[in-house]
Amino acid sequence: MAEVHEPIGGQRGYFIAGKFDQFKRNVPFASLIQAFKSLILQLLTERDAQIQIWKIKTLICIGK
């Protein structure tokens, strides 16, 4: 996974991944939830201005 992660990070991109967990197979979309939690944690390390941009983009996408 590092061979994919490093080029993306070098271009200021975000890399997220989720892993199937046999003990959470009864939780719908558990691996997607894990991946998006990873994205949120990465976004929270950004400057406040960048977080506001993500907030606006997200609100536009959900139509609010």
N, C-alpha and C. Protein backbone atom coordinates (compact mmCIF):
# COMPACT_ATOMS: atom_id res chain seq x y z
N MET A 1 0.82 -1.19 0.00
CA MET A 1 0.00 0.00 0.00
C MET A 1 0.87 1.26 0.00
N ALA A 2 2.07 1.17 0.55
CA ALA A 2 2.95 2.34 0.60
C ALA A 2 3.30 2.84 -0.80
N GLU A 3 3.41 1.91 -1.76
CA GLU A 3 3.76 2.33 -3.12
C GLU A 3 2.68 3.19 -3.75
N VAL A 4 1.46 3.13 -3.26
CA VAL A 4 0.37 3.98 -3.73
C VAL A 4 0.27 5.23 -2.87
N HIS A 5 0.45 5.05 -1.58
CA HIS A 5 0.27 6.13 -0.61
C HIS A 5 1.26 7.27 -0.81
N GLU A 6 2.53 6.96 -1.04
CA GLU A 6 3.55 8.01 -1.14
C GLU A 6 3.35 8.95 -2.33
N PRO A 7 3.08 8.46 -3.55
CA PRO A 7 2.86 9.40 -4.66
C PRO A 7 1.64 10.30 -4.46
N ILE A 8 0.61 9.77 -3.86
CA ILE A 8 -0.60 10.56 -3.62
C ILE A 8 -0.31 11.64 -2.58
N GLY A 9 0.35 11.27 -1.50
CA GLY A 9 0.68 12.23 -0.46
C GLY A 9 1.64 13.30 -0.94
N GLY A 10 2.55 12.93 -1.85
CA GLY A 10 3.49 13.89 -2.41
C GLY A 10 2.82 14.95 -3.26
N GLN A 11 1.65 14.64 -3.78
CA GLN A 11 0.90 15.60 -4.59
C GLN A 11 -0.20 16.28 -3.77
N ARG A 12 -0.09 16.22 -2.46
CA ARG A 12 -1.06 16.82 -1.53
C ARG A 12 -2.45 16.20 -1.67
N GLY A 13 -2.49 14.93 -2.03
CA GLY A 13 -3.75 14.21 -2.13
C GLY A 13 -4.05 13.51 -0.82
N TYR A 14 -5.21 12.92 -0.75
CA TYR A 14 -5.63 12.19 0.44
C TYR A 14 -5.78 10.73 0.08
N PHE A 15 -5.21 9.87 0.88
CA PHE A 15 -5.31 8.44 0.66
C PHE A 15 -6.13 7.85 1.79
N ILE A 16 -7.21 7.14 1.43
CA ILE A 16 -8.02 6.48 2.44
C ILE A 16 -8.15 5.01 2.08
N ALA A 17 -8.30 4.19 3.10
CA ALA A 17 -8.45 2.76 2.87
C ALA A 17 -9.31 2.18 3.97
N GLY A 18 -10.08 1.19 3.63
CA GLY A 18 -10.87 0.45 4.60
C GLY A 18 -10.57 -1.02 4.44
N LYS A 19 -10.64 -1.75 5.51
CA LYS A 19 -10.30 -3.17 5.46
C LYS A 19 -11.48 -3.99 5.96
N PHE A 20 -11.77 -5.06 5.25
CA PHE A 20 -12.85 -5.95 5.68
C PHE A 20 -12.47 -6.59 7.00
N ASP A 21 -13.39 -6.58 7.94
CA ASP A 21 -13.18 -7.21 9.25
C ASP A 21 -14.26 -8.27 9.43
N GLN A 22 -13.84 -9.51 9.55
CA GLN A 22 -14.81 -10.60 9.64
C GLN A 22 -15.72 -10.47 10.86
N PHE A 23 -15.27 -9.78 11.88
CA PHE A 23 -16.09 -9.62 13.08
C PHE A 23 -17.12 -8.49 12.95
N LYS A 24 -16.98 -7.69 11.92
CA LYS A 24 -17.94 -6.61 11.67
C LYS A 24 -18.73 -6.86 10.40
N ARG A 25 -18.82 -8.11 9.98
CA ARG A 25 -19.52 -8.40 8.73
C ARG A 25 -21.01 -8.11 8.82
N ASN A 26 -21.56 -7.99 10.03
CA ASN A 26 -22.96 -7.65 10.18
C ASN A 26 -23.20 -6.14 10.17
N VAL A 27 -22.13 -5.35 10.09
CA VAL A 27 -22.23 -3.89 10.02
C VAL A 27 -22.16 -3.48 8.54
N PRO A 28 -23.26 -2.96 8.00
CA PRO A 28 -23.25 -2.58 6.59
C PRO A 28 -22.20 -1.50 6.32
N PHE A 29 -21.44 -1.68 5.27
CA PHE A 29 -20.46 -0.69 4.81
C PHE A 29 -19.39 -0.37 5.86
N ALA A 30 -19.04 -1.31 6.71
CA ALA A 30 -18.06 -1.07 7.78
C ALA A 30 -16.71 -0.61 7.21
N SER A 31 -16.28 -1.19 6.11
CA SER A 31 -14.98 -0.79 5.55
C SER A 31 -15.04 0.61 4.96
N LEU A 32 -16.19 1.00 4.38
CA LEU A 32 -16.32 2.38 3.88
C LEU A 32 -16.34 3.38 5.04
N ILE A 33 -17.00 3.02 6.11
CA ILE A 33 -17.03 3.88 7.29
C ILE A 33 -15.62 4.08 7.82
N GLN A 34 -14.86 3.00 7.88
CA GLN A 34 -13.47 3.07 8.35
C GLN A 34 -12.64 3.98 7.44
N ALA A 35 -12.84 3.87 6.14
CA ALA A 35 -12.09 4.68 5.19
C ALA A 35 -12.44 6.16 5.34
N PHE A 36 -13.70 6.48 5.48
CA PHE A 36 -14.09 7.88 5.62
C PHE A 36 -13.68 8.47 6.96
N LYS A 37 -13.62 7.65 8.01
CA LYS A 37 -13.08 8.13 9.28
C LYS A 37 -11.62 8.53 9.10
N SER A 38 -10.89 7.74 8.32
CA SER A 38 -9.49 8.06 8.03
C SER A 38 -9.38 9.40 7.30
N LEU A 39 -10.27 9.62 6.33
CA LEU A 39 -10.27 10.89 5.61
C LEU A 39 -10.56 12.06 6.54
N ILE A 40 -11.53 11.91 7.40
CA ILE A 40 -11.89 12.99 8.34
C ILE A 40 -10.71 13.31 9.25
N LEU A 41 -10.03 12.28 9.75
CA LEU A 41 -8.87 12.54 10.60
C LEU A 41 -7.77 13.28 9.84
N GLN A 42 -7.58 12.94 8.56
CA GLN A 42 -6.59 13.66 7.75
C GLN A 42 -7.01 15.11 7.53
N LEU A 43 -8.28 15.33 7.27
CA LEU A 43 -8.77 16.70 7.03
C LEU A 43 -8.64 17.57 8.27
N LEU A 44 -8.83 16.97 9.44
CA LEU A 44 -8.75 17.75 10.68
C LEU A 44 -7.34 18.20 11.01
N THR A 45 -6.35 17.69 10.30
CA THR A 45 -4.98 18.16 10.51
C THR A 45 -4.66 19.37 9.63
N GLU A 46 -5.59 19.75 8.77
CA GLU A 46 -5.38 20.89 7.87
C GLU A 46 -5.62 22.22 8.60
N ARG A 47 -5.21 23.28 7.93
CA ARG A 47 -5.46 24.63 8.48
C ARG A 47 -6.95 24.91 8.48
N ASP A 48 -7.38 25.85 9.29
CA ASP A 48 -8.80 26.20 9.40
C ASP A 48 -9.40 26.62 8.07
N ALA A 49 -8.64 27.35 7.27
CA ALA A 49 -9.16 27.80 5.96
C ALA A 49 -9.45 26.60 5.06
N GLN A 50 -8.58 25.61 5.07
CA GLN A 50 -8.78 24.42 4.24
C GLN A 50 -9.98 23.61 4.74
N ILE A 51 -10.15 23.56 6.05
CA ILE A 51 -11.30 22.85 6.62
C ILE A 51 -12.61 23.53 6.19
N GLN A 52 -12.62 24.86 6.18
CA GLN A 52 -13.81 25.60 5.75
C GLN A 52 -14.13 25.33 4.28
N ILE A 53 -13.10 25.20 3.46
CA ILE A 53 -13.33 24.87 2.05
C ILE A 53 -13.98 23.50 1.93
N TRP A 54 -13.48 22.53 2.67
CA TRP A 54 -14.08 21.19 2.65
C TRP A 54 -15.51 21.22 3.16
N LYS A 55 -15.76 22.05 4.17
CA LYS A 55 -17.12 22.16 4.71
C LYS A 55 -18.08 22.69 3.65
N ILE A 56 -17.66 23.73 2.94
CA ILE A 56 -18.50 24.32 1.90
C ILE A 56 -18.74 23.31 0.77
N LYS A 57 -17.68 22.63 0.33
CA LYS A 57 -17.84 21.64 -0.72
C LYS A 57 -18.79 20.52 -0.30
N THR A 58 -18.68 20.09 0.94
CA THR A 58 -19.55 19.01 1.43
C THR A 58 -21.00 19.47 1.47
N LEU A 59 -21.23 20.67 1.97
CA LEU A 59 -22.60 21.19 2.03
C LEU A 59 -23.20 21.35 0.64
N ILE A 60 -22.39 21.78 -0.32
CA ILE A 60 -22.87 21.89 -1.70
C ILE A 60 -23.27 20.51 -2.23
N CYS A 61 -22.44 19.52 -1.95
CA CYS A 61 -22.71 18.15 -2.46
C CYS A 61 -24.00 17.57 -1.88
N ILE A 62 -24.30 17.88 -0.63
CA ILE A 62 -25.51 17.31 -0.04
C ILE A 62 -26.73 18.23 -0.23
N GLY A 63 -26.49 19.36 -0.87
CA GLY A 63 -27.59 20.23 -1.25
C GLY A 63 -28.12 21.15 -0.16
N LYS A 64 -27.27 21.59 0.75
CA LYS A 64 -27.70 22.51 1.81
C LYS A 64 -27.06 23.85 1.64
